[in-house]
Amino acid sequence: MAIPYPDWLSLPQKTNKSRTIDAGFRTDQPAVGAPIFQRLTDDLKTTWSLNWIFTLQEDRAFEQWYRSPRYLDNGNQWFTMLCNLGGSGLQMQELHFVAPPVQTSINGNTTTWTGNVITRKVYNPDDEFSDVIVELPPNQWGIIDEVVNRDLPEF
């Protein structure tokens, strides 16, 4: 069971969060002709580089949450935390630290931590609406409201 990230602690900073997704294919570049792409898997891990800015009280709680055997047990446990995926907003993800997070600075009453986390699968509620999001430009999304609220109740 994944350990929840304390909901009162600050979330990672959006401007300093980068996401990397594995490639699910292999590329072969023959001596002659076009490159060959071979699908390997759709079970792709995603990694994030995260930065947190904490108050001294949050810093103390974060470190204990990471170290305590009742919580992450020095990074040995999976945890759940809200991550901002951009257009789809904050979404709960199941994550694991790749290496121990590092406290990179203490400035007065604030501290900064950095860490890398991994997830087995990114939960994104937009996935089930990919056709609508890709095919309709954003200025036409209002037509969906009209169809759903005016036309569909008649059926």
Protein backbone atom coordinates (compact mmCIF):
# COMPACT_ATOMS: atom_id res chain seq x y z
CA MET A 1 0.00 0.00 0.00
CA ALA A 2 1.41 3.37 -1.02
CA ILE A 3 2.05 5.94 1.71
CA PRO A 4 0.20 9.26 1.19
CA TYR A 5 2.24 12.44 0.90
CA PRO A 6 1.20 14.74 3.78
CA ASP A 7 -1.49 16.99 2.35
CA TRP A 8 -0.33 20.02 4.30
CA LEU A 9 3.22 19.96 2.89
CA SER A 10 4.08 22.10 -0.13
CA LEU A 11 3.96 20.30 -3.47
CA PRO A 12 6.97 20.36 -5.82
CA GLN A 13 7.51 23.58 -7.74
CA LYS A 14 5.95 23.58 -11.23
CA THR A 15 8.69 25.64 -12.84
CA ASN A 16 11.41 23.22 -11.76
CA LYS A 17 9.66 19.95 -12.53
CA SER A 18 10.79 18.00 -15.58
CA ARG A 19 9.24 14.74 -16.77
CA THR A 20 10.94 12.02 -18.82
CA ILE A 21 9.06 9.13 -20.43
CA ASP A 22 10.77 5.97 -21.69
CA ALA A 23 10.56 5.05 -25.37
CA GLY A 24 8.46 1.95 -26.00
CA PHE A 25 10.28 1.08 -29.19
CA ARG A 26 13.68 0.13 -30.53
CA THR A 27 15.26 1.89 -33.50
CA ASP A 28 17.51 0.21 -36.04
CA GLN A 29 19.35 2.30 -38.60
CA PRO A 30 20.21 0.04 -41.56
CA ALA A 31 23.05 0.96 -43.90
CA VAL A 32 20.53 1.54 -46.67
CA GLY A 33 16.93 2.67 -46.43
CA ALA A 34 14.68 4.16 -43.82
CA PRO A 35 15.11 3.50 -40.11
CA ILE A 36 13.16 0.64 -38.59
CA PHE A 37 11.06 1.19 -35.47
CA GLN A 38 10.01 -1.90 -33.51
CA ARG A 39 7.45 -1.65 -30.73
CA LEU A 40 8.69 -3.30 -27.54
CA THR A 41 6.19 -2.49 -24.81
CA ASP A 42 3.54 -0.08 -23.60
CA ASP A 43 4.58 -0.60 -19.96
CA LEU A 44 6.62 2.60 -19.75
CA LYS A 45 7.99 4.19 -16.63
CA THR A 46 8.07 7.94 -16.16
CA THR A 47 10.60 9.84 -14.08
CA TRP A 48 10.33 13.33 -12.63
CA SER A 49 13.03 15.63 -11.31
CA LEU A 50 11.35 17.54 -8.49
CA ASN A 51 12.21 20.58 -6.36
CA TRP A 52 10.47 21.45 -3.11
CA ILE A 53 10.65 24.73 -1.22
CA PHE A 54 9.71 24.26 2.43
CA THR A 55 9.39 26.32 5.56
CA LEU A 56 11.54 25.04 8.43
CA GLN A 57 8.50 23.26 9.92
CA GLU A 58 7.67 21.60 6.60
CA ASP A 59 11.33 20.65 6.17
CA ARG A 60 11.31 18.88 9.51
CA ALA A 61 8.11 16.97 8.66
CA PHE A 62 9.31 16.05 5.14
CA GLU A 63 12.56 14.62 6.44
CA GLN A 64 10.76 12.55 9.07
CA TRP A 65 8.16 11.39 6.55
CA TYR A 66 11.02 10.19 4.31
CA ARG A 67 13.13 8.58 7.07
CA SER A 68 10.57 7.09 9.48
CA PRO A 69 9.85 3.33 9.30
CA ARG A 70 6.16 4.22 9.75
CA TYR A 71 6.15 6.17 6.49
CA LEU A 72 8.66 5.91 3.61
CA ASP A 73 11.26 3.98 5.61
CA ASN A 74 14.25 5.81 4.06
CA GLY A 75 12.71 5.67 0.60
CA ASN A 76 11.84 1.96 0.59
CA GLN A 77 8.09 2.54 0.17
CA TRP A 78 5.95 3.76 -2.72
CA PHE A 79 3.95 6.92 -2.04
CA THR A 80 1.07 8.87 -3.56
CA MET A 81 1.33 12.58 -4.33
CA LEU A 82 -0.48 15.11 -6.48
CA CYS A 83 1.57 16.06 -9.56
CA ASN A 84 0.73 18.82 -12.01
CA LEU A 85 0.59 17.30 -15.49
CA GLY A 86 0.07 20.63 -17.22
CA GLY A 87 -3.24 20.88 -19.09
CA SER A 88 -4.99 18.21 -17.04
CA GLY A 89 -3.93 19.81 -13.75
CA LEU A 90 -3.10 18.09 -10.46
CA GLN A 91 -3.45 14.31 -10.61
CA MET A 92 -2.69 11.70 -7.96
CA GLN A 93 0.35 9.60 -8.95
CA GLU A 94 1.97 6.59 -7.29
CA LEU A 95 5.68 7.35 -7.01
CA HIS A 96 8.95 6.01 -5.60
CA PHE A 97 12.19 7.87 -4.96
CA VAL A 98 14.99 6.72 -7.29
CA ALA A 99 17.61 7.98 -4.81
CA PRO A 100 17.35 9.80 -1.49
CA PRO A 101 16.16 13.41 -1.87
CA VAL A 102 18.83 16.03 -1.16
CA GLN A 103 18.48 19.21 0.85
CA THR A 104 20.22 21.68 -1.46
CA SER A 105 19.91 24.92 0.50
CA ILE A 106 18.82 26.58 3.73
CA ASN A 107 18.07 30.31 3.40
CA GLY A 108 16.65 31.89 6.51
CA ASN A 109 13.27 30.28 7.11
CA THR A 110 13.13 28.25 3.87
CA THR A 111 14.84 25.11 2.65
CA THR A 112 15.07 23.59 -0.80
CA TRP A 113 15.06 19.87 -1.55
CA THR A 114 15.58 18.08 -4.87
CA GLY A 115 14.79 14.50 -5.73
CA ASN A 116 14.05 12.12 -8.58
CA VAL A 117 10.95 9.95 -8.52
CA ILE A 118 9.61 7.23 -10.77
CA THR A 119 6.12 6.01 -11.55
CA ARG A 120 5.07 2.79 -13.22
CA LYS A 121 2.16 4.46 -15.03
CA VAL A 122 1.09 8.09 -15.28
CA TYR A 123 -2.57 8.53 -14.40
CA ASN A 124 -4.03 11.13 -16.75
CA PRO A 125 -7.84 11.45 -16.99
CA ASP A 126 -7.43 13.01 -20.45
CA ASP A 127 -6.42 9.61 -21.89
CA GLU A 128 -10.04 8.47 -22.34
CA PHE A 129 -10.86 11.68 -24.25
CA SER A 130 -7.85 11.71 -26.57
CA ASP A 131 -9.91 11.78 -29.78
CA VAL A 132 -11.86 14.85 -28.69
CA ILE A 133 -8.78 16.67 -27.41
CA VAL A 134 -6.75 15.95 -30.56
CA GLU A 135 -9.47 16.34 -33.22
CA LEU A 136 -11.31 19.42 -31.89
CA PRO A 137 -9.46 22.70 -31.50
CA PRO A 138 -10.01 24.31 -28.07
CA ASN A 139 -12.25 27.03 -29.54
CA GLN A 140 -14.78 24.30 -30.50
CA TRP A 141 -14.90 22.50 -27.14
CA GLY A 142 -18.05 24.47 -26.26
CA ILE A 143 -19.98 22.46 -28.86
CA ILE A 144 -19.54 19.37 -26.69
CA ASP A 145 -21.32 21.11 -23.81
CA GLU A 146 -24.17 21.96 -26.15
CA VAL A 147 -24.51 18.38 -27.44
CA VAL A 148 -24.29 16.82 -23.97
CA ASN A 149 -26.64 19.23 -22.23
CA ARG A 150 -29.18 19.96 -24.98
CA ASP A 151 -29.28 17.00 -27.38
CA LEU A 152 -28.37 13.91 -25.35
CA PRO A 153 -31.08 14.25 -22.66
CA GLU A 154 -33.70 13.70 -25.40
CA PHE A 155 -32.45 10.17 -26.10
